[in-house]
């Protein structure tokens, strides 16, 4: 089963492009706060999200930098060869649906625009949590 549910804020306005067969494609980075138990320091993960068709039109019309949304989709991995001939791996959330996570009056007011580019997230593996000896109870390895 491949289901992803995320809640976070857009780090920038969605990047809108046209794909094959005049399909609209929207890409954005979602800053998702990570739960930290012992430490009061807040940490975030930056998740690349991709929307196609009607979802891309929704993103273009309603989403902007700072908007807090909940998204449901599936994890998609891929790879391509860049201009330098190097193989590049990608990990994205392919968004199936959006939901606003706050009212417009609750969203932060962005009067100053930060024009610094947000770096794309580095590909990495998630740390596997300690399962406390429950590993043998799962039907898979």
Protein backbone atom coordinates (compact mmCIF):
# COMPACT_ATOMS: atom_id res chain seq x y z
CA UNK A 1 0.00 0.00 0.00
CA UNK A 2 1.40 3.39 -0.97
CA UNK A 3 -0.42 6.22 0.84
CA UNK A 4 1.17 9.49 1.92
CA UNK A 5 -0.55 12.08 4.13
CA UNK A 6 1.29 15.35 4.78
CA UNK A 7 0.47 18.61 6.51
CA UNK A 8 2.67 21.65 6.04
CA UNK A 9 3.28 25.02 4.43
CA UNK A 10 4.40 25.83 0.90
CA UNK A 11 7.93 27.26 0.82
CA UNK A 12 7.22 29.14 -2.43
CA UNK A 13 4.48 29.62 -4.99
CA UNK A 14 3.87 26.49 -7.10
CA UNK A 15 5.88 26.13 -10.31
CA UNK A 16 3.33 25.58 -13.11
CA UNK A 17 4.22 23.97 -16.45
CA UNK A 18 2.47 22.25 -19.31
CA UNK A 19 3.22 18.58 -19.88
CA UNK A 20 2.36 16.24 -22.72
CA UNK A 21 -1.20 16.28 -24.08
CA UNK A 22 -1.66 19.79 -22.57
CA UNK A 23 -1.68 18.37 -19.03
CA UNK A 24 -0.92 21.02 -16.43
CA UNK A 25 1.82 20.12 -13.90
CA UNK A 26 2.37 21.95 -10.60
CA UNK A 27 5.41 21.41 -8.38
CA UNK A 28 6.04 22.81 -4.95
CA UNK A 29 7.98 22.10 -1.78
CA UNK A 30 6.01 21.46 1.40
CA UNK A 31 7.73 22.22 4.73
CA UNK A 32 6.47 19.56 7.14
CA UNK A 33 7.23 19.91 10.83
CA UNK A 34 8.85 16.86 12.38
CA UNK A 35 7.76 15.64 15.80
CA UNK A 36 10.52 15.98 18.37
CA UNK A 37 9.84 14.37 21.75
CA UNK A 38 12.69 15.36 24.06
CA UNK A 39 13.89 18.55 22.45
CA UNK A 40 11.96 21.81 22.11
CA UNK A 41 13.82 22.59 18.90
CA UNK A 42 11.54 22.50 15.88
CA UNK A 43 12.70 20.60 12.82
CA UNK A 44 11.18 20.41 9.38
CA UNK A 45 11.40 18.12 6.38
CA UNK A 46 11.06 19.58 2.90
CA UNK A 47 8.95 17.31 0.70
CA UNK A 48 8.72 17.76 -3.06
CA UNK A 49 5.10 17.53 -4.26
CA UNK A 50 3.81 17.09 -7.80
CA UNK A 51 0.21 17.72 -8.96
CA UNK A 52 -1.26 16.82 -12.34
CA UNK A 53 -4.38 17.94 -14.23
CA UNK A 54 -7.19 19.29 -12.01
CA UNK A 55 -4.97 19.14 -8.91
CA UNK A 56 -2.39 21.31 -10.70
CA UNK A 57 -5.11 23.78 -11.68
CA UNK A 58 -6.22 23.91 -8.02
CA UNK A 59 -2.62 24.51 -6.90
CA UNK A 60 -2.16 27.28 -9.47
CA UNK A 61 -5.39 29.03 -8.47
CA UNK A 62 -5.42 28.69 -4.67
CA UNK A 63 -1.97 27.83 -3.30
CA UNK A 64 0.80 30.32 -2.63
CA UNK A 65 3.88 30.65 -0.46
CA UNK A 66 2.98 30.14 3.22
CA UNK A 67 -0.36 28.39 2.59
CA UNK A 68 -0.90 25.56 5.06
CA UNK A 69 -2.40 22.48 3.40
CA UNK A 70 -3.02 18.82 4.03
CA UNK A 71 -2.26 16.60 1.06
CA UNK A 72 -2.97 12.96 0.36
CA UNK A 73 -1.17 11.10 -2.36
CA UNK A 74 1.39 8.42 -3.02
CA UNK A 75 5.18 8.28 -2.90
CA UNK A 76 6.83 8.19 -6.29
CA UNK A 77 10.50 7.52 -7.00
CA UNK A 78 12.22 8.04 -10.30
CA UNK A 79 15.49 8.85 -11.99
CA UNK A 80 16.82 10.70 -14.99
CA UNK A 81 20.13 11.65 -16.54
CA UNK A 82 21.01 15.34 -16.24
CA UNK A 83 22.88 17.52 -18.76
CA UNK A 84 26.24 16.39 -17.32
CA UNK A 85 25.39 12.74 -17.93
CA UNK A 86 24.94 12.02 -14.21
CA UNK A 87 22.08 9.86 -12.98
CA UNK A 88 19.79 11.82 -10.63
CA UNK A 89 17.25 10.13 -8.35
CA UNK A 90 14.00 11.80 -7.32
CA UNK A 91 11.45 11.25 -4.55
CA UNK A 92 8.11 13.08 -4.77
CA UNK A 93 4.65 12.98 -3.30
CA UNK A 94 2.24 12.60 -6.23
CA UNK A 95 -0.72 14.56 -4.84
CA UNK A 96 -4.20 13.06 -5.23
CA UNK A 97 -6.06 15.66 -3.16
CA UNK A 98 -5.54 18.95 -1.32
CA UNK A 99 -7.30 20.31 1.75
CA UNK A 100 -6.78 23.71 3.36
CA UNK A 101 -5.45 23.30 6.92
CA UNK A 102 -6.40 26.77 8.18
CA UNK A 103 -8.73 29.65 7.45
CA UNK A 104 -7.45 32.52 5.41
CA UNK A 105 -7.59 34.77 8.50
CA UNK A 106 -5.22 32.38 10.34
CA UNK A 107 -2.53 32.32 7.67
CA UNK A 108 0.62 34.32 8.33
CA UNK A 109 0.75 37.68 6.61
CA UNK A 110 3.76 37.84 4.32
CA UNK A 111 4.42 41.53 3.76
CA UNK A 112 8.12 41.07 3.09
CA UNK A 113 8.96 38.70 0.29
CA UNK A 114 12.00 36.50 0.81
CA UNK A 115 13.55 36.18 -2.63
CA UNK A 116 16.26 33.72 -1.60
CA UNK A 117 15.84 30.40 -3.46
CA UNK A 118 14.87 27.39 -1.36
CA UNK A 119 17.27 24.52 -2.04
CA UNK A 120 15.64 21.24 -3.11
CA UNK A 121 15.62 18.53 -0.47
CA UNK A 122 18.59 16.20 -0.47
CA UNK A 123 17.69 12.59 -1.26
CA UNK A 124 18.05 10.55 1.91
CA UNK A 125 16.69 7.59 3.77
CA UNK A 126 14.55 7.94 6.86
CA UNK A 127 15.92 6.64 10.15
CA UNK A 128 14.07 3.48 11.15
CA UNK A 129 12.57 3.87 14.62
CA UNK A 130 13.29 1.37 17.39
CA UNK A 131 10.41 -1.12 17.31
CA UNK A 132 11.11 -2.52 20.76
CA UNK A 133 11.40 -6.17 19.68
CA UNK A 134 8.15 -6.12 17.65
CA UNK A 135 10.01 -6.80 14.38
CA UNK A 136 9.12 -10.50 14.47
CA UNK A 137 5.38 -9.74 14.59
CA UNK A 138 5.28 -8.15 11.11
CA UNK A 139 4.30 -10.33 8.12
CA UNK A 140 7.17 -8.89 6.06
CA UNK A 141 10.90 -8.34 6.53
